[in-house]
Amino acid sequence: MNVVLVHGIFDDGAIFRRLERSLRDAGHRCWVPALKPADGRRGIHDLACKLKTYIDEQLGPTEPIAIVGFSMGCIVSRHYLQLLDGHARCKALFAVSAPHRGTLLAYLYPGKGARDMRPGSPVLEELRRTEHRLARMAVFGYWTSFDVTVFPAHSSHWPRASSSLDARALLHRFMPGNTRVCADIVQRMGALDATRA
């Protein structure tokens, strides 16, 4: 499977080092864009357009993919999937510590991307209204009840996901490398790949 790993705010692809290694060891091809500006100062739509350009340039316009999005990267991924027609080629979305219903911490940063992740923002409301476009795609959720970056933590609990794993990681940024999260994603990716064979 072609797996696109989408990092969160202030991050780059290095945050996926452990997960990427595990996926490659299991035979998957990983694509790890470094979306700029990483603080999202130009907004979620800007980063989603850059994600679409990256995927189309690296894999062409129709090659099937799965996406792992971490934190803001999951909101960027959802925007790409739901509003830029990425759902037509994507087989699964793995949402890791995503502020689906926003995070109060976003009020502490002035950039447009942070404003987009505030509870009740127009961007999050549009994603809520259009999430039916993910209906033909497998969706899995991962969160930690100790999260103080996505706050309140239950904002990461997404009813759309067919499973929701509380990994109980002590810090938000530990989630992409959490042993339970990595193992579950690799297992589910393998099952997904098997259905395509």
Protein backbone atom coordinates (compact mmCIF):
# COMPACT_ATOMS: atom_id res chain seq x y z
CA MET A 1 0.00 0.00 0.00
CA ASN A 2 1.13 3.56 -0.67
CA VAL A 3 0.91 5.28 2.71
CA VAL A 4 1.05 9.07 3.01
CA LEU A 5 2.11 10.29 6.47
CA VAL A 6 0.94 13.85 7.18
CA HIS A 7 2.61 15.66 10.08
CA GLY A 8 1.11 18.19 12.46
CA ILE A 9 1.79 21.79 13.42
CA PHE A 10 5.46 22.78 14.06
CA ASP A 11 6.51 19.28 12.90
CA ASP A 12 7.95 17.55 9.88
CA GLY A 13 8.05 13.95 8.72
CA ALA A 14 10.64 12.98 11.35
CA ILE A 15 7.86 12.56 13.89
CA PHE A 16 6.80 9.43 11.98
CA ARG A 17 10.25 7.80 12.06
CA ARG A 18 9.17 4.75 14.08
CA LEU A 19 5.86 4.26 12.29
CA GLU A 20 7.45 4.73 8.87
CA ARG A 21 10.08 2.10 9.67
CA SER A 22 7.40 -0.34 10.87
CA LEU A 23 5.30 0.20 7.76
CA ARG A 24 8.28 -0.22 5.42
CA ASP A 25 9.30 -3.40 7.23
CA ALA A 26 5.79 -4.71 6.59
CA GLY A 27 6.18 -4.06 2.85
CA HIS A 28 4.37 -0.75 2.45
CA ARG A 29 5.66 2.26 0.53
CA CYS A 30 5.72 5.45 2.60
CA TRP A 31 5.47 9.03 1.40
CA VAL A 32 6.25 11.75 3.93
CA PRO A 33 5.66 15.32 2.71
CA ALA A 34 7.11 18.25 4.65
CA LEU A 35 4.27 20.75 4.40
CA LYS A 36 5.28 24.41 4.69
CA PRO A 37 4.76 26.64 6.52
CA ALA A 38 4.67 24.03 9.28
CA ASP A 39 2.92 26.40 11.67
CA GLY A 40 -0.05 26.56 9.29
CA ARG A 41 -0.02 30.35 9.23
CA ARG A 42 -1.74 30.39 5.81
CA GLY A 43 -4.48 28.05 6.93
CA ILE A 44 -5.68 24.48 6.53
CA HIS A 45 -6.82 24.96 2.93
CA ASP A 46 -3.34 26.11 1.87
CA LEU A 47 -1.71 23.00 3.35
CA ALA A 48 -4.39 20.69 1.93
CA CYS A 49 -3.72 22.06 -1.57
CA LYS A 50 0.00 21.44 -1.06
CA LEU A 51 -0.76 17.92 0.11
CA LYS A 52 -2.82 17.28 -3.03
CA THR A 53 -0.02 18.61 -5.23
CA TYR A 54 2.54 16.41 -3.47
CA ILE A 55 0.42 13.26 -3.80
CA ASP A 56 -0.40 13.89 -7.46
CA GLU A 57 3.24 14.63 -8.32
CA GLN A 58 4.62 11.60 -6.46
CA LEU A 59 1.94 9.03 -7.27
CA GLY A 60 -0.05 10.38 -10.19
CA PRO A 61 -3.74 11.30 -10.03
CA THR A 62 -5.32 7.87 -9.46
CA GLU A 63 -2.93 5.51 -7.60
CA PRO A 64 -4.70 4.21 -4.45
CA ILE A 65 -3.40 5.50 -1.13
CA ALA A 66 -3.96 5.33 2.60
CA ILE A 67 -3.32 8.34 4.82
CA VAL A 68 -2.04 8.61 8.38
CA GLY A 69 -2.65 12.10 9.72
CA PHE A 70 -1.28 13.34 13.02
CA SER A 71 -2.85 16.27 14.88
CA MET A 72 -3.28 19.24 12.50
CA GLY A 73 -2.09 16.91 9.74
CA CYS A 74 -5.30 14.93 10.11
CA ILE A 75 -7.40 18.08 9.66
CA VAL A 76 -5.31 18.91 6.57
CA SER A 77 -5.86 15.35 5.34
CA ARG A 78 -9.60 15.52 5.92
CA HIS A 79 -9.77 18.79 3.98
CA TYR A 80 -7.92 17.12 1.09
CA LEU A 81 -10.15 14.04 1.24
CA GLN A 82 -13.50 15.75 1.74
CA LEU A 83 -13.13 19.02 -0.17
CA LEU A 84 -10.42 18.37 -2.79
CA ASP A 85 -11.80 14.98 -3.91
CA GLY A 86 -9.02 12.91 -2.35
CA HIS A 87 -11.67 10.46 -1.11
CA ALA A 88 -11.95 9.05 -4.64
CA ARG A 89 -8.51 7.41 -4.38
CA CYS A 90 -8.03 6.90 -0.64
CA LYS A 91 -8.73 3.50 0.92
CA ALA A 92 -8.28 4.43 4.59
CA LEU A 93 -7.64 7.31 6.95
CA PHE A 94 -5.81 6.74 10.23
CA ALA A 95 -6.52 9.75 12.46
CA VAL A 96 -3.92 10.14 15.23
CA SER A 97 -4.67 12.71 17.97
CA ALA A 98 -6.72 14.89 15.64
CA PRO A 99 -8.65 17.93 16.92
CA HIS A 100 -11.83 16.95 15.07
CA ARG A 101 -13.90 19.24 17.29
CA GLY A 102 -11.12 21.74 17.80
CA THR A 103 -8.71 22.46 20.61
CA LEU A 104 -8.76 25.30 23.12
CA LEU A 105 -4.97 25.50 22.83
CA ALA A 106 -5.48 26.98 19.35
CA TYR A 107 -6.51 30.25 20.99
CA LEU A 108 -2.90 30.72 22.14
CA TYR A 109 -1.40 30.95 18.63
CA PRO A 110 -2.24 33.73 16.14
CA GLY A 111 -1.84 31.96 12.77
CA LYS A 112 -4.74 31.18 10.42
CA GLY A 113 -4.19 27.44 10.81
CA ALA A 114 -4.59 27.78 14.57
CA ARG A 115 -7.79 29.78 14.07
CA ASP A 116 -9.03 27.02 11.78
CA MET A 117 -8.58 24.53 14.64
CA ARG A 118 -10.53 26.48 17.22
CA PRO A 119 -13.79 24.82 18.35
CA GLY A 120 -16.66 25.78 16.06
CA SER A 121 -14.42 27.32 13.36
CA PRO A 122 -15.85 27.53 9.81
CA VAL A 123 -13.23 25.01 8.65
CA LEU A 124 -14.18 22.41 11.27
CA GLU A 125 -17.88 23.00 10.65
CA GLU A 126 -17.39 22.45 6.92
CA LEU A 127 -15.57 19.20 7.64
CA ARG A 128 -18.38 18.12 9.94
CA ARG A 129 -20.98 18.83 7.22
CA THR A 130 -19.05 16.97 4.51
CA GLU A 131 -17.70 13.95 6.38
CA HIS A 132 -20.28 11.75 4.61
CA ARG A 133 -17.84 11.86 1.67
CA LEU A 134 -15.67 9.45 3.64
CA ALA A 135 -18.45 6.83 3.69
CA ARG A 136 -16.65 4.37 1.35
CA MET A 137 -13.36 4.63 3.19
CA ALA A 138 -12.10 2.80 6.28
CA VAL A 139 -11.51 5.27 9.13
CA PHE A 140 -9.61 4.52 12.35
CA GLY A 141 -9.00 6.80 15.31
CA TYR A 142 -6.24 7.03 17.92
CA TRP A 143 -6.14 9.38 20.89
CA THR A 144 -4.81 9.76 24.41
CA SER A 145 -6.95 10.70 27.38
CA PHE A 146 -3.90 12.54 28.78
CA ASP A 147 -3.77 14.98 25.86
CA VAL A 148 -3.36 18.64 26.76
CA THR A 149 -2.51 19.78 23.21
CA VAL A 150 -5.83 18.63 21.82
CA PHE A 151 -7.90 19.96 24.68
CA PRO A 152 -10.30 18.71 25.75
CA ALA A 153 -8.86 15.32 24.84
CA HIS A 154 -12.21 13.85 23.80
CA SER A 155 -12.11 16.17 20.76
CA SER A 156 -9.93 13.44 19.21
CA HIS A 157 -12.64 10.83 19.72
CA TRP A 158 -14.39 10.70 16.32
CA PRO A 159 -17.68 8.81 15.93
CA ARG A 160 -16.93 8.34 12.20
CA ALA A 161 -14.03 6.02 13.07
CA SER A 162 -14.89 2.31 13.12
CA SER A 163 -12.44 1.88 16.01
CA SER A 164 -11.03 4.35 18.53
CA LEU A 165 -7.94 3.43 20.53
CA ASP A 166 -7.01 5.36 23.67
CA ALA A 167 -3.26 4.72 23.74
CA ARG A 168 -2.90 6.66 27.02
CA ALA A 169 0.38 8.19 25.86
CA LEU A 170 1.62 10.76 28.35
CA LEU A 171 2.21 13.46 25.74
CA HIS A 172 0.48 14.40 22.47
CA ARG A 173 3.68 14.22 20.44
CA PHE A 174 4.40 10.67 21.65
CA MET A 175 1.35 9.35 19.78
CA PRO A 176 2.82 8.71 16.29
CA GLY A 177 5.59 6.59 17.85
CA ASN A 178 3.44 4.90 20.49
CA THR A 179 3.94 1.13 20.42
CA ARG A 180 0.22 0.31 20.51
CA VAL A 181 -0.63 2.91 17.86
CA CYS A 182 2.12 1.73 15.49
CA ALA A 183 1.21 -1.94 15.91
CA ASP A 184 -2.49 -1.31 15.31
CA ILE A 185 -1.87 0.80 12.21
CA VAL A 186 0.53 -1.77 10.72
CA GLN A 187 -1.93 -4.60 11.41
CA ARG A 188 -4.88 -2.74 9.90
CA MET A 189 -2.83 -1.60 6.91
CA GLY A 190 -1.89 -5.22 6.25
CA ALA A 191 -5.54 -6.28 6.38
CA LEU A 192 -6.44 -3.44 4.06
CA ASP A 193 -3.73 -4.47 1.64
CA ALA A 194 -4.95 -8.09 1.75
CA THR A 195 -8.44 -7.05 0.63
CA ARG A 196 -6.90 -5.46 -2.48
CA ALA A 197 -4.95 -8.58 -3.44
